[in-house]
């Protein structure tokens, strides 16, 4: 049985652009809605498979205050204030950030039922 893929990368610039383009194509009846859904599923699967292999940069961060945290269905959500981000080249501080962290290992992904 195939494992489901996290859909949170749909909210990236690339994911939003793909969704908008597919919505336009469906609205103009150039492709069926089923093909649009299939393409988004392929996007999710590809992003979830490729990102751990290709992304090698490391970023550290430290926040002044942890406002809220939650753990549900193998997904951590943190809301932090006064967060300082640093990588090997540069850094910066943001007033507020929401971090969503998912278990990327195959054993951590839920089975479809």
N, C-alpha and C. Protein backbone atom coordinates (compact mmCIF):
# COMPACT_ATOMS: atom_id res chain seq x y z
N UNK A 1 0.84 -1.17 0.00
CA UNK A 1 0.00 0.00 0.00
C UNK A 1 0.89 1.24 0.00
N UNK A 2 0.60 2.16 -0.87
CA UNK A 2 1.41 3.37 -1.00
C UNK A 2 1.15 4.32 0.16
N UNK A 3 2.21 4.94 0.66
CA UNK A 3 2.12 5.87 1.78
C UNK A 3 1.64 7.23 1.29
N UNK A 4 0.86 7.96 2.11
CA UNK A 4 0.47 9.32 1.73
C UNK A 4 1.67 10.25 1.85
N UNK A 5 1.60 11.37 1.18
CA UNK A 5 2.68 12.35 1.23
C UNK A 5 2.18 13.63 1.89
N UNK A 6 3.08 14.28 2.64
CA UNK A 6 2.73 15.55 3.24
C UNK A 6 2.45 16.56 2.14
N UNK A 7 1.44 17.41 2.37
CA UNK A 7 1.04 18.40 1.38
C UNK A 7 1.51 19.80 1.74
N UNK A 8 2.36 19.94 2.74
CA UNK A 8 2.70 21.29 3.18
C UNK A 8 3.57 22.06 2.19
N UNK A 9 4.21 21.37 1.25
CA UNK A 9 5.02 22.08 0.26
C UNK A 9 4.15 22.74 -0.81
N UNK A 10 2.85 22.47 -0.79
CA UNK A 10 1.93 23.15 -1.71
C UNK A 10 1.85 24.64 -1.38
N UNK A 11 2.24 25.01 -0.18
CA UNK A 11 2.19 26.41 0.22
C UNK A 11 3.46 27.17 -0.13
N UNK A 12 4.42 26.52 -0.79
CA UNK A 12 5.62 27.21 -1.27
C UNK A 12 5.26 28.02 -2.50
N UNK A 13 6.14 28.90 -2.91
CA UNK A 13 5.91 29.69 -4.12
C UNK A 13 5.69 28.78 -5.32
N UNK A 14 6.50 27.75 -5.43
CA UNK A 14 6.38 26.80 -6.54
C UNK A 14 5.05 26.05 -6.48
N UNK A 15 4.67 25.58 -5.30
CA UNK A 15 3.41 24.86 -5.15
C UNK A 15 2.20 25.73 -5.44
N UNK A 16 2.22 26.97 -4.98
CA UNK A 16 1.11 27.88 -5.23
C UNK A 16 0.99 28.21 -6.71
N UNK A 17 2.13 28.40 -7.38
CA UNK A 17 2.11 28.70 -8.81
C UNK A 17 1.54 27.51 -9.59
N UNK A 18 1.94 26.30 -9.22
CA UNK A 18 1.41 25.11 -9.89
C UNK A 18 -0.09 24.99 -9.66
N UNK A 19 -0.53 25.17 -8.42
CA UNK A 19 -1.96 25.08 -8.13
C UNK A 19 -2.77 26.10 -8.92
N UNK A 20 -2.29 27.34 -8.99
CA UNK A 20 -3.00 28.40 -9.72
C UNK A 20 -3.07 28.06 -11.20
N UNK A 21 -1.97 27.59 -11.76
CA UNK A 21 -1.94 27.22 -13.18
C UNK A 21 -2.92 26.09 -13.47
N UNK A 22 -2.93 25.08 -12.61
CA UNK A 22 -3.84 23.96 -12.80
C UNK A 22 -5.30 24.39 -12.65
N UNK A 23 -5.58 25.27 -11.68
CA UNK A 23 -6.94 25.80 -11.52
C UNK A 23 -7.39 26.54 -12.77
N UNK A 24 -6.49 27.33 -13.36
CA UNK A 24 -6.81 28.05 -14.60
C UNK A 24 -7.10 27.08 -15.74
N UNK A 25 -6.28 26.03 -15.86
CA UNK A 25 -6.48 25.05 -16.93
C UNK A 25 -7.80 24.30 -16.76
N UNK A 26 -8.16 23.99 -15.52
CA UNK A 26 -9.44 23.31 -15.26
C UNK A 26 -10.59 24.26 -15.58
N UNK A 27 -10.47 25.53 -15.16
CA UNK A 27 -11.53 26.52 -15.41
C UNK A 27 -11.76 26.73 -16.90
N UNK A 28 -10.69 26.66 -17.69
CA UNK A 28 -10.80 26.82 -19.14
C UNK A 28 -11.11 25.50 -19.84
N UNK A 29 -11.34 24.45 -19.05
CA UNK A 29 -11.66 23.12 -19.55
C UNK A 29 -10.60 22.56 -20.49
N UNK A 30 -9.35 22.90 -20.20
CA UNK A 30 -8.24 22.36 -20.99
C UNK A 30 -7.76 21.03 -20.43
N UNK A 31 -7.97 20.81 -19.11
CA UNK A 31 -7.67 19.52 -18.48
C UNK A 31 -8.80 19.21 -17.50
N UNK A 32 -9.05 17.93 -17.24
CA UNK A 32 -10.07 17.58 -16.25
C UNK A 32 -9.55 17.78 -14.82
N UNK A 33 -10.47 17.95 -13.90
CA UNK A 33 -10.11 18.14 -12.49
C UNK A 33 -9.34 16.94 -11.95
N UNK A 34 -9.66 15.76 -12.41
CA UNK A 34 -8.96 14.55 -11.94
C UNK A 34 -7.48 14.60 -12.30
N UNK A 35 -7.14 15.15 -13.46
CA UNK A 35 -5.74 15.29 -13.86
C UNK A 35 -5.04 16.32 -12.98
N UNK A 36 -5.74 17.39 -12.65
CA UNK A 36 -5.18 18.42 -11.77
C UNK A 36 -4.84 17.82 -10.40
N UNK A 37 -5.75 17.03 -9.84
CA UNK A 37 -5.50 16.39 -8.54
C UNK A 37 -4.33 15.42 -8.64
N UNK A 38 -4.26 14.65 -9.73
CA UNK A 38 -3.17 13.70 -9.92
C UNK A 38 -1.83 14.43 -10.00
N UNK A 39 -1.80 15.57 -10.71
CA UNK A 39 -0.55 16.33 -10.83
C UNK A 39 -0.11 16.88 -9.48
N UNK A 40 -1.05 17.31 -8.65
CA UNK A 40 -0.68 17.80 -7.31
C UNK A 40 -0.19 16.64 -6.44
N UNK A 41 -0.76 15.46 -6.61
CA UNK A 41 -0.27 14.28 -5.87
C UNK A 41 1.17 13.95 -6.28
N UNK A 42 1.45 14.04 -7.58
CA UNK A 42 2.81 13.79 -8.07
C UNK A 42 3.77 14.86 -7.53
N UNK A 43 3.32 16.11 -7.50
CA UNK A 43 4.13 17.20 -6.92
C UNK A 43 4.47 16.89 -5.47
N UNK A 44 3.45 16.49 -4.67
CA UNK A 44 3.68 16.16 -3.26
C UNK A 44 4.70 15.04 -3.13
N UNK A 45 4.51 13.98 -3.89
CA UNK A 45 5.39 12.81 -3.81
C UNK A 45 6.82 13.19 -4.20
N UNK A 46 6.96 13.94 -5.28
CA UNK A 46 8.29 14.33 -5.77
C UNK A 46 9.00 15.24 -4.78
N UNK A 47 8.28 16.22 -4.24
CA UNK A 47 8.88 17.15 -3.29
C UNK A 47 9.34 16.41 -2.03
N UNK A 48 8.47 15.54 -1.51
CA UNK A 48 8.81 14.78 -0.30
C UNK A 48 9.97 13.83 -0.52
N UNK A 49 10.13 13.32 -1.72
CA UNK A 49 11.22 12.39 -2.02
C UNK A 49 12.53 13.13 -2.29
N UNK A 50 12.46 14.25 -3.02
CA UNK A 50 13.65 14.95 -3.48
C UNK A 50 14.27 15.86 -2.43
N UNK A 51 13.47 16.54 -1.66
CA UNK A 51 14.00 17.53 -0.71
C UNK A 51 15.05 16.96 0.24
N UNK A 52 14.80 15.80 0.88
CA UNK A 52 15.84 15.27 1.79
C UNK A 52 17.14 14.90 1.08
N UNK A 53 17.06 14.56 -0.21
CA UNK A 53 18.25 14.17 -0.96
C UNK A 53 19.04 15.37 -1.45
N UNK A 54 18.37 16.44 -1.81
CA UNK A 54 19.02 17.58 -2.46
C UNK A 54 19.34 18.75 -1.53
N UNK A 55 18.53 18.97 -0.51
CA UNK A 55 18.74 20.11 0.38
C UNK A 55 19.79 19.76 1.43
N UNK A 56 20.93 20.40 1.35
CA UNK A 56 22.03 20.09 2.27
C UNK A 56 22.39 21.25 3.19
N UNK A 57 21.82 22.43 2.96
CA UNK A 57 22.13 23.57 3.81
C UNK A 57 21.52 23.40 5.19
N UNK A 58 22.24 23.88 6.18
CA UNK A 58 21.75 23.81 7.56
C UNK A 58 21.50 25.22 8.06
N UNK A 59 20.43 25.39 8.80
CA UNK A 59 20.07 26.67 9.39
C UNK A 59 19.85 26.45 10.88
N UNK A 60 20.38 27.36 11.67
CA UNK A 60 20.11 27.32 13.10
C UNK A 60 19.22 28.51 13.45
N UNK A 61 18.45 28.35 14.51
CA UNK A 61 17.60 29.45 14.94
C UNK A 61 17.44 29.42 16.44
N UNK A 62 17.20 30.59 16.99
CA UNK A 62 16.97 30.73 18.43
C UNK A 62 15.93 31.82 18.61
N UNK A 63 14.92 31.50 19.40
CA UNK A 63 13.84 32.45 19.63
C UNK A 63 13.86 33.02 21.03
N UNK A 64 13.34 34.23 21.16
CA UNK A 64 13.22 34.85 22.48
C UNK A 64 12.11 34.20 23.29
N UNK A 65 11.03 33.80 22.59
CA UNK A 65 9.88 33.26 23.31
C UNK A 65 9.15 32.23 22.46
N UNK A 66 8.82 31.10 23.08
CA UNK A 66 7.98 30.09 22.45
C UNK A 66 6.55 30.37 22.88
N UNK A 67 5.72 30.84 21.95
CA UNK A 67 4.35 31.23 22.25
C UNK A 67 3.41 30.03 22.37
N UNK A 68 3.59 29.06 21.47
CA UNK A 68 2.70 27.89 21.48
C UNK A 68 3.39 26.73 20.79
N UNK A 69 3.00 25.54 21.17
CA UNK A 69 3.48 24.34 20.48
C UNK A 69 2.38 23.29 20.51
N UNK A 70 2.43 22.41 19.51
CA UNK A 70 1.43 21.35 19.41
C UNK A 70 2.03 20.17 18.69
N UNK A 71 1.64 18.97 19.09
CA UNK A 71 2.06 17.74 18.42
C UNK A 71 0.80 16.93 18.12
N UNK A 72 0.55 16.67 16.85
CA UNK A 72 -0.63 15.92 16.44
C UNK A 72 -0.32 15.16 15.16
N UNK A 73 -0.61 13.88 15.12
CA UNK A 73 -0.42 13.04 13.93
C UNK A 73 1.01 13.13 13.38
N UNK A 74 2.00 13.02 14.25
CA UNK A 74 3.42 13.06 13.86
C UNK A 74 3.85 14.41 13.28
N UNK A 75 3.12 15.47 13.59
CA UNK A 75 3.46 16.81 13.09
C UNK A 75 3.59 17.75 14.29
N UNK A 76 4.75 18.38 14.42
CA UNK A 76 4.99 19.40 15.43
C UNK A 76 4.72 20.77 14.83
N UNK A 77 4.07 21.64 15.59
CA UNK A 77 3.86 23.03 15.20
C UNK A 77 4.35 23.92 16.34
N UNK A 78 5.21 24.88 16.01
CA UNK A 78 5.75 25.82 16.99
C UNK A 78 5.46 27.24 16.52
N UNK A 79 5.06 28.11 17.42
CA UNK A 79 4.94 29.54 17.13
C UNK A 79 5.91 30.25 18.06
N UNK A 80 6.87 30.95 17.45
CA UNK A 80 7.94 31.59 18.22
C UNK A 80 8.00 33.08 17.90
N UNK A 81 8.52 33.84 18.86
CA UNK A 81 8.71 35.28 18.67
C UNK A 81 10.17 35.64 18.84
N UNK A 82 10.58 36.69 18.13
CA UNK A 82 11.96 37.18 18.22
C UNK A 82 12.96 36.11 17.81
N UNK A 83 12.79 35.58 16.62
CA UNK A 83 13.60 34.44 16.19
C UNK A 83 14.77 34.91 15.32
N UNK A 84 15.96 34.48 15.71
CA UNK A 84 17.19 34.80 14.98
C UNK A 84 17.59 33.56 14.18
N UNK A 85 17.62 33.69 12.84
CA UNK A 85 18.02 32.60 11.95
C UNK A 85 19.45 32.83 11.48
N UNK A 86 20.24 31.77 11.37
CA UNK A 86 21.62 31.85 10.89
C UNK A 86 21.92 30.65 10.00
N UNK A 87 22.65 30.92 8.92
CA UNK A 87 23.22 29.83 8.12
C UNK A 87 24.71 30.13 7.95
N UNK A 88 25.38 29.42 7.08
CA UNK A 88 26.82 29.59 6.91
C UNK A 88 27.19 30.96 6.37
N UNK A 89 26.28 31.64 5.68
CA UNK A 89 26.59 32.89 5.00
C UNK A 89 26.01 34.12 5.70
N UNK A 90 24.75 34.04 6.11
CA UNK A 90 24.11 35.22 6.66
C UNK A 90 23.10 34.85 7.74
N UNK A 91 22.49 35.87 8.30
CA UNK A 91 21.49 35.65 9.33
C UNK A 91 20.51 36.79 9.36
N UNK A 92 19.49 36.64 10.16
CA UNK A 92 18.50 37.69 10.28
C UNK A 92 17.50 37.36 11.36
N UNK A 93 16.80 38.38 11.81
CA UNK A 93 15.84 38.21 12.88
C UNK A 93 14.45 38.53 12.36
N UNK A 94 13.47 37.71 12.77
CA UNK A 94 12.08 37.96 12.40
C UNK A 94 11.26 38.09 13.68
N UNK A 95 10.18 38.86 13.59
CA UNK A 95 9.36 39.14 14.77
C UNK A 95 8.60 37.90 15.23
N UNK A 96 8.02 37.17 14.28
CA UNK A 96 7.21 36.00 14.64
C UNK A 96 7.32 34.96 13.53
N UNK A 97 7.37 33.68 13.92
CA UNK A 97 7.48 32.62 12.93
C UNK A 97 6.68 31.40 13.38
N UNK A 98 6.11 30.72 12.39
CA UNK A 98 5.42 29.45 12.64
C UNK A 98 6.24 28.36 11.96
N UNK A 99 6.63 27.36 12.73
CA UNK A 99 7.43 26.26 12.20
C UNK A 99 6.58 25.00 12.25
N UNK A 100 6.47 24.31 11.12
CA UNK A 100 5.77 23.03 11.04
C UNK A 100 6.81 21.98 10.69
N UNK A 101 6.96 20.99 11.55
CA UNK A 101 7.98 19.95 11.35
C UNK A 101 7.29 18.59 11.29
N UNK A 102 7.58 17.85 10.22
CA UNK A 102 6.98 16.54 10.00
C UNK A 102 8.06 15.47 10.00
N UNK A 103 7.70 14.28 10.42
CA UNK A 103 8.61 13.14 10.38
C UNK A 103 8.78 12.74 8.93
N UNK A 104 9.98 12.90 8.41
CA UNK A 104 10.24 12.60 7.00
C UNK A 104 10.60 11.16 6.73
N UNK A 105 10.77 10.35 7.76
CA UNK A 105 11.13 8.95 7.53
C UNK A 105 9.91 8.17 7.08
N UNK A 106 10.13 7.09 6.36
CA UNK A 106 9.03 6.28 5.87
C UNK A 106 8.23 5.66 7.01
N UNK A 107 8.90 5.30 8.11
CA UNK A 107 8.18 4.69 9.23
C UNK A 107 7.27 5.70 9.93
N UNK A 108 7.56 6.99 9.79
CA UNK A 108 6.76 8.01 10.45
C UNK A 108 5.53 8.41 9.67
N UNK A 109 5.43 8.00 8.43
CA UNK A 109 4.29 8.39 7.61
C UNK A 109 3.14 7.42 7.85
N UNK A 110 1.94 7.97 7.96
CA UNK A 110 0.77 7.17 8.25
C UNK A 110 0.33 6.36 7.04
N UNK A 111 -0.20 5.19 7.27
CA UNK A 111 -0.73 4.37 6.19
C UNK A 111 -2.11 4.87 5.80
N UNK A 112 -2.42 4.76 4.53
CA UNK A 112 -3.75 5.11 4.07
C UNK A 112 -4.69 4.01 4.49
N UNK A 113 -5.89 4.38 4.87
CA UNK A 113 -6.83 3.37 5.32
C UNK A 113 -8.13 3.42 4.63
